[in-house]
Amino acid sequence: IDKIRIVFIGDPQAGVAQLLSGNVHFSDSFVIN
């Protein structure tokens, strides 16, 4: 993969929303419960 953007998400619900919308493609440990 040529480029990766790492974003900081402190709220699990925001992480879920970003995954469902397709704006985030992977969430690492302890982002979602």
Full PDB file with SEQRES, HELIX, SHEET, SSBOND, CRYST1, ORIGX, SCALE, CONECT and MASTER records, all heavy atoms in Angstrom:
SEQRES   1 A   33  ILE ASP LYS ILE ARG ILE VAL PHE ILE GLY ASP PRO GLN          
SEQRES   2 A   33  ALA GLY VAL ALA GLN LEU LEU SER GLY ASN VAL HIS PHE          
SEQRES   3 A   33  SER ASP SER PHE VAL ILE ASN                                  
HELIX    1 AA1 PRO A   12  SER A   21  1                                  10    
CRYST1    1.000    1.000    1.000  90.00  90.00  90.00 P 1           1          
ORIGX1      1.000000  0.000000  0.000000        0.00000                         
ORIGX2      0.000000  1.000000  0.000000        0.00000                         
ORIGX3      0.000000  0.000000  1.000000        0.00000                         
SCALE1      1.000000  0.000000  0.000000        0.00000                         
SCALE2      0.000000  1.000000  0.000000        0.00000                         
SCALE3      0.000000  0.000000  1.000000        0.00000                         
ATOM      1  N   ILE A   1       0.854  -1.179   0.000  1.00  0.00           N  
ATOM      2  CA  ILE A   1       0.000   0.000   0.000  1.00  0.00           C  
ATOM      3  C   ILE A   1       0.892   1.232   0.000  1.00  0.00           C  
ATOM      4  O   ILE A   1       1.879   1.288   0.743  1.00  0.00           O  
ATOM      5  CB  ILE A   1      -0.938   0.003   1.224  1.00  0.00           C  
ATOM      6  CG1 ILE A   1      -1.927  -1.172   1.122  1.00  0.00           C  
ATOM      7  CG2 ILE A   1      -1.688   1.319   1.358  1.00  0.00           C  
ATOM      8  CD1 ILE A   1      -2.844  -1.311   2.324  1.00  0.00           C  
ATOM      9  N   ASP A   2       0.580   2.219  -0.839  1.00  0.00           N  
ATOM     10  CA  ASP A   2       1.448   3.386  -0.995  1.00  0.00           C  
ATOM     11  C   ASP A   2       1.380   4.355   0.180  1.00  0.00           C  
ATOM     12  O   ASP A   2       2.405   4.889   0.613  1.00  0.00           O  
ATOM     13  CB  ASP A   2       1.094   4.140  -2.286  1.00  0.00           C  
ATOM     14  CG  ASP A   2       1.411   3.321  -3.528  1.00  0.00           C  
ATOM     15  OD1 ASP A   2       2.376   2.524  -3.480  1.00  0.00           O  
ATOM     16  OD2 ASP A   2       0.696   3.472  -4.535  1.00  0.00           O  
ATOM     17  N   LYS A   3       0.173   4.615   0.661  1.00  0.00           N  
ATOM     18  CA  LYS A   3       0.008   5.626   1.707  1.00  0.00           C  
ATOM     19  C   LYS A   3      -0.986   5.135   2.757  1.00  0.00           C  
ATOM     20  O   LYS A   3      -1.963   4.459   2.428  1.00  0.00           O  
ATOM     21  CB  LYS A   3      -0.503   6.946   1.120  1.00  0.00           C  
ATOM     22  CG  LYS A   3       0.448   7.608   0.135  1.00  0.00           C  
ATOM     23  CD  LYS A   3      -0.170   8.892  -0.424  1.00  0.00           C  
ATOM     24  CE  LYS A   3       0.763   9.562  -1.426  1.00  0.00           C  
ATOM     25  NZ  LYS A   3       0.172  10.817  -1.973  1.00  0.00           N  
ATOM     26  N   ILE A   4      -0.724   5.509   4.004  1.00  0.00           N  
ATOM     27  CA  ILE A   4      -1.651   5.198   5.089  1.00  0.00           C  
ATOM     28  C   ILE A   4      -1.788   6.430   5.971  1.00  0.00           C  
ATOM     29  O   ILE A   4      -0.784   7.089   6.295  1.00  0.00           O  
ATOM     30  CB  ILE A   4      -1.161   4.005   5.932  1.00  0.00           C  
ATOM     31  CG1 ILE A   4      -1.339   2.694   5.161  1.00  0.00           C  
ATOM     32  CG2 ILE A   4      -1.902   3.928   7.262  1.00  0.00           C  
ATOM     33  CD1 ILE A   4      -0.895   1.462   5.913  1.00  0.00           C  
ATOM     34  N   ARG A   5      -3.009   6.749   6.330  1.00  0.00           N  
ATOM     35  CA  ARG A   5      -3.256   7.813   7.308  1.00  0.00           C  
ATOM     36  C   ARG A   5      -3.716   7.154   8.612  1.00  0.00           C  
ATOM     37  O   ARG A   5      -4.663   6.365   8.631  1.00  0.00           O  
ATOM     38  CB  ARG A   5      -4.313   8.802   6.812  1.00  0.00           C  
ATOM     39  CG  ARG A   5      -4.809   9.749   7.918  1.00  0.00           C  
ATOM     40  CD  ARG A   5      -5.658  10.887   7.394  1.00  0.00           C  
ATOM     41  NE  ARG A   5      -4.838  11.902   6.735  1.00  0.00           N  
ATOM     42  CZ  ARG A   5      -5.289  13.100   6.363  1.00  0.00           C  
ATOM     43  NH1 ARG A   5      -6.565  13.423   6.579  1.00  0.00           N  
ATOM     44  NH2 ARG A   5      -4.493  13.960   5.771  1.00  0.00           N  
ATOM     45  N   ILE A   6      -3.034   7.493   9.691  1.00  0.00           N  
ATOM     46  CA  ILE A   6      -3.397   7.017  11.023  1.00  0.00           C  
ATOM     47  C   ILE A   6      -4.167   8.136  11.708  1.00  0.00           C  
ATOM     48  O   ILE A   6      -3.659   9.249  11.845  1.00  0.00           O  
ATOM     49  CB  ILE A   6      -2.145   6.664  11.845  1.00  0.00           C  
ATOM     50  CG1 ILE A   6      -1.311   5.608  11.108  1.00  0.00           C  
ATOM     51  CG2 ILE A   6      -2.523   6.181  13.240  1.00  0.00           C  
ATOM     52  CD1 ILE A   6       0.082   5.439  11.668  1.00  0.00           C  
ATOM     53  N   VAL A   7      -5.406   7.853  12.120  1.00  0.00           N  
ATOM     54  CA  VAL A   7      -6.220   8.869  12.791  1.00  0.00           C  
ATOM     55  C   VAL A   7      -6.420   8.469  14.244  1.00  0.00           C  
ATOM     56  O   VAL A   7      -6.458   7.278  14.577  1.00  0.00           O  
ATOM     57  CB  VAL A   7      -7.579   9.073  12.094  1.00  0.00           C  
ATOM     58  CG1 VAL A   7      -7.382   9.603  10.686  1.00  0.00           C  
ATOM     59  CG2 VAL A   7      -8.370   7.772  12.053  1.00  0.00           C  
ATOM     60  N   PHE A   8      -6.537   9.446  15.111  1.00  0.00           N  
ATOM     61  CA  PHE A   8      -6.706   9.208  16.538  1.00  0.00           C  
ATOM     62  C   PHE A   8      -8.184   9.337  16.900  1.00  0.00           C  
ATOM     63  O   PHE A   8      -8.787  10.388  16.682  1.00  0.00           O  
ATOM     64  CB  PHE A   8      -5.872  10.197  17.348  1.00  0.00           C  
ATOM     65  CG  PHE A   8      -4.418  10.197  16.955  1.00  0.00           C  
ATOM     66  CD1 PHE A   8      -3.853  11.288  16.317  1.00  0.00           C  
ATOM     67  CD2 PHE A   8      -3.624   9.087  17.205  1.00  0.00           C  
ATOM     68  CE1 PHE A   8      -2.515  11.289  15.943  1.00  0.00           C  
ATOM     69  CE2 PHE A   8      -2.284   9.072  16.844  1.00  0.00           C  
ATOM     70  CZ  PHE A   8      -1.731  10.170  16.217  1.00  0.00           C  
ATOM     71  N   ILE A   9      -8.745   8.260  17.431  1.00  0.00           N  
ATOM     72  CA  ILE A   9     -10.166   8.239  17.786  1.00  0.00           C  
ATOM     73  C   ILE A   9     -10.287   7.843  19.255  1.00  0.00           C  
ATOM     74  O   ILE A   9      -9.944   6.714  19.626  1.00  0.00           O  
ATOM     75  CB  ILE A   9     -10.947   7.247  16.896  1.00  0.00           C  
ATOM     76  CG1 ILE A   9     -10.817   7.646  15.418  1.00  0.00           C  
ATOM     77  CG2 ILE A   9     -12.407   7.187  17.315  1.00  0.00           C  
ATOM     78  CD1 ILE A   9     -11.447   6.656  14.462  1.00  0.00           C  
ATOM     79  N   GLY A  10     -10.754   8.755  20.081  1.00  0.00           N  
ATOM     80  CA  GLY A  10     -10.864   8.490  21.507  1.00  0.00           C  
ATOM     81  C   GLY A  10     -12.212   7.954  21.934  1.00  0.00           C  
ATOM     82  O   GLY A  10     -12.359   7.433  23.036  1.00  0.00           O  
ATOM     83  N   ASP A  11     -13.217   8.031  21.059  1.00  0.00           N  
ATOM     84  CA  ASP A  11     -14.578   7.615  21.392  1.00  0.00           C  
ATOM     85  C   ASP A  11     -14.945   6.368  20.589  1.00  0.00           C  
ATOM     86  O   ASP A  11     -14.968   6.409  19.352  1.00  0.00           O  
ATOM     87  CB  ASP A  11     -15.552   8.754  21.071  1.00  0.00           C  
ATOM     88  CG  ASP A  11     -17.006   8.374  21.332  1.00  0.00           C  
ATOM     89  OD1 ASP A  11     -17.231   7.343  21.982  1.00  0.00           O  
ATOM     90  OD2 ASP A  11     -17.899   9.117  20.882  1.00  0.00           O  
ATOM     91  N   PRO A  12     -15.230   5.248  21.262  1.00  0.00           N  
ATOM     92  CA  PRO A  12     -15.570   4.016  20.538  1.00  0.00           C  
ATOM     93  C   PRO A  12     -16.733   4.197  19.562  1.00  0.00           C  
ATOM     94  O   PRO A  12     -16.711   3.635  18.465  1.00  0.00           O  
ATOM     95  CB  PRO A  12     -15.932   3.033  21.663  1.00  0.00           C  
ATOM     96  CG  PRO A  12     -15.194   3.537  22.855  1.00  0.00           C  
ATOM     97  CD  PRO A  12     -15.182   5.035  22.723  1.00  0.00           C  
ATOM     98  N   GLN A  13     -17.749   4.985  19.962  1.00  0.00           N  
ATOM     99  CA  GLN A  13     -18.899   5.172  19.075  1.00  0.00           C  
ATOM    100  C   GLN A  13     -18.502   5.905  17.794  1.00  0.00           C  
ATOM    101  O   GLN A  13     -19.001   5.609  16.708  1.00  0.00           O  
ATOM    102  CB  GLN A  13     -20.001   5.947  19.809  1.00  0.00           C  
ATOM    103  CG  GLN A  13     -20.610   5.176  20.976  1.00  0.00           C  
ATOM    104  CD  GLN A  13     -21.109   3.808  20.554  1.00  0.00           C  
ATOM    105  OE1 GLN A  13     -21.856   3.673  19.582  1.00  0.00           O  
ATOM    106  NE2 GLN A  13     -20.685   2.771  21.268  1.00  0.00           N  
ATOM    107  N   ALA A  14     -17.578   6.856  17.929  1.00  0.00           N  
ATOM    108  CA  ALA A  14     -17.075   7.546  16.740  1.00  0.00           C  
ATOM    109  C   ALA A  14     -16.308   6.572  15.858  1.00  0.00           C  
ATOM    110  O   ALA A  14     -16.387   6.630  14.627  1.00  0.00           O  
ATOM    111  CB  ALA A  14     -16.178   8.708  17.151  1.00  0.00           C  
ATOM    112  N   GLY A  15     -15.579   5.650  16.490  1.00  0.00           N  
ATOM    113  CA  GLY A  15     -14.856   4.642  15.718  1.00  0.00           C  
ATOM    114  C   GLY A  15     -15.791   3.749  14.932  1.00  0.00           C  
ATOM    115  O   GLY A  15     -15.562   3.450  13.754  1.00  0.00           O  
ATOM    116  N   VAL A  16     -16.872   3.340  15.571  1.00  0.00           N  
ATOM    117  CA  VAL A  16     -17.869   2.498  14.892  1.00  0.00           C  
ATOM    118  C   VAL A  16     -18.486   3.248  13.717  1.00  0.00           C  
ATOM    119  O   VAL A  16     -18.629   2.707  12.613  1.00  0.00           O  
ATOM    120  CB  VAL A  16     -18.961   2.057  15.882  1.00  0.00           C  
ATOM    121  CG1 VAL A  16     -20.121   1.388  15.143  1.00  0.00           C  
ATOM    122  CG2 VAL A  16     -18.390   1.101  16.922  1.00  0.00           C  
ATOM    123  N   ALA A  17     -18.847   4.507  13.939  1.00  0.00           N  
ATOM    124  CA  ALA A  17     -19.467   5.311  12.885  1.00  0.00           C  
ATOM    125  C   ALA A  17     -18.527   5.474  11.694  1.00  0.00           C  
ATOM    126  O   ALA A  17     -18.949   5.390  10.534  1.00  0.00           O  
ATOM    127  CB  ALA A  17     -19.863   6.678  13.443  1.00  0.00           C  
ATOM    128  N   GLN A  18     -17.235   5.696  11.989  1.00  0.00           N  
ATOM    129  CA  GLN A  18     -16.250   5.874  10.915  1.00  0.00           C  
ATOM    130  C   GLN A  18     -16.062   4.583  10.115  1.00  0.00           C  
ATOM    131  O   GLN A  18     -15.894   4.612   8.892  1.00  0.00           O  
ATOM    132  CB  GLN A  18     -14.914   6.316  11.508  1.00  0.00           C  
ATOM    133  CG  GLN A  18     -14.941   7.683  12.170  1.00  0.00           C  
ATOM    134  CD  GLN A  18     -14.694   8.802  11.173  1.00  0.00           C  
ATOM    135  OE1 GLN A  18     -15.300   8.854  10.100  1.00  0.00           O  
ATOM    136  NE2 GLN A  18     -13.810   9.701  11.539  1.00  0.00           N  
ATOM    137  N   LEU A  19     -16.097   3.449  10.803  1.00  0.00           N  
ATOM    138  CA  LEU A  19     -15.975   2.165  10.099  1.00  0.00           C  
ATOM    139  C   LEU A  19     -17.194   1.915   9.207  1.00  0.00           C  
ATOM    140  O   LEU A  19     -17.055   1.482   8.055  1.00  0.00           O  
ATOM    141  CB  LEU A  19     -15.829   1.025  11.112  1.00  0.00           C  
ATOM    142  CG  LEU A  19     -14.468   0.893  11.792  1.00  0.00           C  
ATOM    143  CD1 LEU A  19     -14.578   0.066  13.068  1.00  0.00           C  
ATOM    144  CD2 LEU A  19     -13.454   0.254  10.850  1.00  0.00           C  
ATOM    145  N   LEU A  20     -18.384   2.196   9.732  1.00  0.00           N  
ATOM    146  CA  LEU A  20     -19.609   1.960   8.956  1.00  0.00           C  
ATOM    147  C   LEU A  20     -19.702   2.886   7.754  1.00  0.00           C  
ATOM    148  O   LEU A  20     -20.224   2.505   6.700  1.00  0.00           O  
ATOM    149  CB  LEU A  20     -20.837   2.141   9.856  1.00  0.00           C  
ATOM    150  CG  LEU A  20     -21.064   1.042  10.904  1.00  0.00           C  
ATOM    151  CD1 LEU A  20     -22.194   1.418  11.850  1.00  0.00           C  
ATOM    152  CD2 LEU A  20     -21.371  -0.290  10.216  1.00  0.00           C  
ATOM    153  N   SER A  21     -19.186   4.101   7.899  1.00  0.00           N  
ATOM    154  CA  SER A  21     -19.245   5.055   6.789  1.00  0.00           C  
ATOM    155  C   SER A  21     -18.171   4.796   5.746  1.00  0.00           C  
ATOM    156  O   SER A  21     -18.237   5.314   4.632  1.00  0.00           O  
ATOM    157  CB  SER A  21     -19.084   6.482   7.329  1.00  0.00           C  
ATOM    158  OG  SER A  21     -17.760   6.683   7.825  1.00  0.00           O  
ATOM    159  N   GLY A  22     -17.175   3.995   6.096  1.00  0.00           N  
ATOM    160  CA  GLY A  22     -16.081   3.730   5.162  1.00  0.00           C  
ATOM    161  C   GLY A  22     -14.975   4.751   5.215  1.00  0.00           C  
ATOM    162  O   GLY A  22     -14.024   4.683   4.432  1.00  0.00           O  
ATOM    163  N   ASN A  23     -15.047   5.694   6.152  1.00  0.00           N  
ATOM    164  CA  ASN A  23     -13.977   6.697   6.281  1.00  0.00           C  
ATOM    165  C   ASN A  23     -12.747   6.127   6.972  1.00  0.00           C  
ATOM    166  O   ASN A  23     -11.643   6.626   6.795  1.00  0.00           O  
ATOM    167  CB  ASN A  23     -14.493   7.912   7.068  1.00  0.00           C  
ATOM    168  CG  ASN A  23     -15.515   8.709   6.285  1.00  0.00           C  
ATOM    169  OD1 ASN A  23     -15.445   8.805   5.060  1.00  0.00           O  
ATOM    170  ND2 ASN A  23     -16.495   9.271   6.982  1.00  0.00           N  
ATOM    171  N   VAL A  24     -12.965   5.092   7.780  1.00  0.00           N  
ATOM    172  CA  VAL A  24     -11.866   4.372   8.432  1.00  0.00           C  
ATOM    173  C   VAL A  24     -11.935   2.927   7.970  1.00  0.00           C  
ATOM    174  O   VAL A  24     -13.022   2.350   7.871  1.00  0.00           O  
ATOM    175  CB  VAL A  24     -11.991   4.460   9.971  1.00  0.00           C  
ATOM    176  CG1 VAL A  24     -11.090   3.432  10.655  1.00  0.00           C  
ATOM    177  CG2 VAL A  24     -11.623   5.857  10.456  1.00  0.00           C  
ATOM    178  N   HIS A  25     -10.780   2.353   7.671  1.00  0.00           N  
ATOM    179  CA  HIS A  25     -10.757   1.018   7.077  1.00  0.00           C  
ATOM    180  C   HIS A  25     -10.249  -0.063   8.022  1.00  0.00           C  
ATOM    181  O   HIS A  25     -10.403  -1.251   7.754  1.00  0.00           O  
ATOM    182  CB  HIS A  25      -9.898   1.033   5.807  1.00  0.00           C  
ATOM    183  CG  HIS A  25     -10.280   2.119   4.861  1.00  0.00           C  
ATOM    184  ND1 HIS A  25      -9.391   3.058   4.378  1.00  0.00           N  
ATOM    185  CD2 HIS A  25     -11.500   2.455   4.334  1.00  0.00           C  
ATOM    186  CE1 HIS A  25     -10.016   3.907   3.586  1.00  0.00           C  
ATOM    187  NE2 HIS A  25     -11.295   3.562   3.541  1.00  0.00           N  
ATOM    188  N   PHE A  26      -9.623   0.345   9.138  1.00  0.00           N  
ATOM    189  CA  PHE A  26      -9.125  -0.618  10.116  1.00  0.00           C  
ATOM    190  C   PHE A  26      -9.090   0.052  11.482  1.00  0.00           C  
ATOM    191  O   PHE A  26      -8.704   1.220  11.605  1.00  0.00           O  
ATOM    192  CB  PHE A  26      -7.712  -1.092   9.742  1.00  0.00           C  
ATOM    193  CG  PHE A  26      -7.082  -2.008  10.774  1.00  0.00           C  
ATOM    194  CD1 PHE A  26      -7.436  -3.341  10.820  1.00  0.00           C  
ATOM    195  CD2 PHE A  26      -6.156  -1.525  11.690  1.00  0.00           C  
ATOM    196  CE1 PHE A  26      -6.877  -4.191  11.778  1.00  0.00           C  
ATOM    197  CE2 PHE A  26      -5.579  -2.361  12.637  1.00  0.00           C  
ATOM    198  CZ  PHE A  26      -5.943  -3.699  12.682  1.00  0.00           C  
ATOM    199  N   SER A  27      -9.521  -0.651  12.505  1.00  0.00           N  
ATOM    200  CA  SER A  27      -9.396  -0.137  13.879  1.00  0.00           C  
ATOM    201  C   SER A  27      -8.561  -1.123  14.670  1.00  0.00           C  
ATOM    202  O   SER A  27      -8.803  -2.333  14.653  1.00  0.00           O  
ATOM    203  CB  SER A  27     -10.774   0.038  14.528  1.00  0.00           C  
ATOM    204  OG  SER A  27     -11.365  -1.215  14.801  1.00  0.00           O  
ATOM    205  N   ASP A  28      -7.567  -0.603  15.362  1.00  0.00           N  
ATOM    206  CA  ASP A  28      -6.660  -1.455  16.125  1.00  0.00           C  
ATOM    207  C   ASP A  28      -7.240  -1.754  17.506  1.00  0.00           C  
ATOM    208  O   ASP A  28      -8.341  -1.326  17.847  1.00  0.00           O  
ATOM    209  CB  ASP A  28      -5.297  -0.757  16.241  1.00  0.00           C  
ATOM    210  CG  ASP A  28      -4.171  -1.734  16.540  1.00  0.00           C  
ATOM    211  OD1 ASP A  28      -4.434  -2.950  16.548  1.00  0.00           O  
ATOM    212  OD2 ASP A  28      -3.032  -1.278  16.752  1.00  0.00           O  
ATOM    213  N   SER A  29      -6.476  -2.484  18.313  1.00  0.00           N  
ATOM    214  CA  SER A  29      -6.926  -2.900  19.642  1.00  0.00           C  
ATOM    215  C   SER A  29      -7.368  -1.710  20.485  1.00  0.00           C  
ATOM    216  O   SER A  29      -6.764  -0.642  20.444  1.00  0.00           O  
ATOM    217  CB  SER A  29      -5.788  -3.631  20.365  1.00  0.00           C  
ATOM    218  OG  SER A  29      -5.299  -4.696  19.591  1.00  0.00           O  
ATOM    219  N   PHE A  30      -8.439  -1.935  21.265  1.00  0.00           N  
ATOM    220  CA  PHE A  30      -8.932  -0.988  22.265  1.00  0.00           C  
ATOM    221  C   PHE A  30      -9.541   0.283  21.666  1.00  0.00           C  
ATOM    222  O   PHE A  30      -9.723   1.269  22.362  1.00  0.00           O  
ATOM    223  CB  PHE A  30      -7.839  -0.638  23.276  1.00  0.00           C  
ATOM    224  CG  PHE A  30      -7.219  -1.852  23.910  1.00  0.00           C  
ATOM    225  CD1 PHE A  30      -5.894  -2.170  23.693  1.00  0.00           C  
ATOM    226  CD2 PHE A  30      -7.985  -2.695  24.693  1.00  0.00           C  
ATOM    227  CE1 PHE A  30      -5.329  -3.311  24.263  1.00  0.00           C  
ATOM    228  CE2 PHE A  30      -7.435  -3.828  25.274  1.00  0.00           C  
ATOM    229  CZ  PHE A  30      -6.106  -4.139  25.059  1.00  0.00           C  
ATOM    230  N   VAL A  31      -9.847   0.272  20.358  1.00  0.00           N  
ATOM    231  CA  VAL A  31     -10.617   1.370  19.776  1.00  0.00           C  
ATOM    232  C   VAL A  31     -12.097   1.081  19.977  1.00  0.00           C  
ATOM    233  O   VAL A  31     -12.858   1.927  20.436  1.00  0.00           O  
ATOM    234  CB  VAL A  31     -10.293   1.566  18.284  1.00  0.00           C  
ATOM    235  CG1 VAL A  31     -11.205   2.631  17.684  1.00  0.00           C  
ATOM    236  CG2 VAL A  31      -8.834   1.955  18.100  1.00  0.00           C  
ATOM    237  N   ILE A  32     -12.508  -0.133  19.631  1.00  0.00           N  
ATOM    238  CA  ILE A  32     -13.885  -0.548  19.865  1.00  0.00           C  
ATOM    239  C   ILE A  32     -13.901  -1.618  20.956  1.00  0.00           C  
ATOM    240  O   ILE A  32     -12.933  -2.362  21.127  1.00  0.00           O  
ATOM    241  CB  ILE A  32     -14.554  -1.072  18.581  1.00  0.00           C  
ATOM    242  CG1 ILE A  32     -13.796  -2.282  18.023  1.00  0.00           C  
ATOM    243  CG2 ILE A  32     -14.630   0.028  17.534  1.00  0.00           C  
ATOM    244  CD1 ILE A  32     -14.475  -2.941  16.834  1.00  0.00           C  
ATOM    245  N   ASN A  33     -14.997  -1.703  21.699  1.00  0.00           N  
ATOM    246  CA  ASN A  33     -15.096  -2.697  22.760  1.00  0.00           C  
ATOM    247  C   ASN A  33     -15.850  -3.934  22.259  1.00  0.00           C  
ATOM    248  O   ASN A  33     -16.383  -3.932  21.141  1.00  0.00           O  
ATOM    249  CB  ASN A  33     -15.766  -2.085  23.999  1.00  0.00           C  
ATOM    250  CG  ASN A  33     -17.169  -1.581  23.703  1.00  0.00           C  
ATOM    251  OD1 ASN A  33     -17.950  -2.234  23.012  1.00  0.00           O  
ATOM    252  ND2 ASN A  33     -17.500  -0.403  24.224  1.00  0.00           N  
TER     253      ASN A  33                                                      
MASTER        0    0    0    1    0    0    0    6  252    1    0    3          
END                                                                             
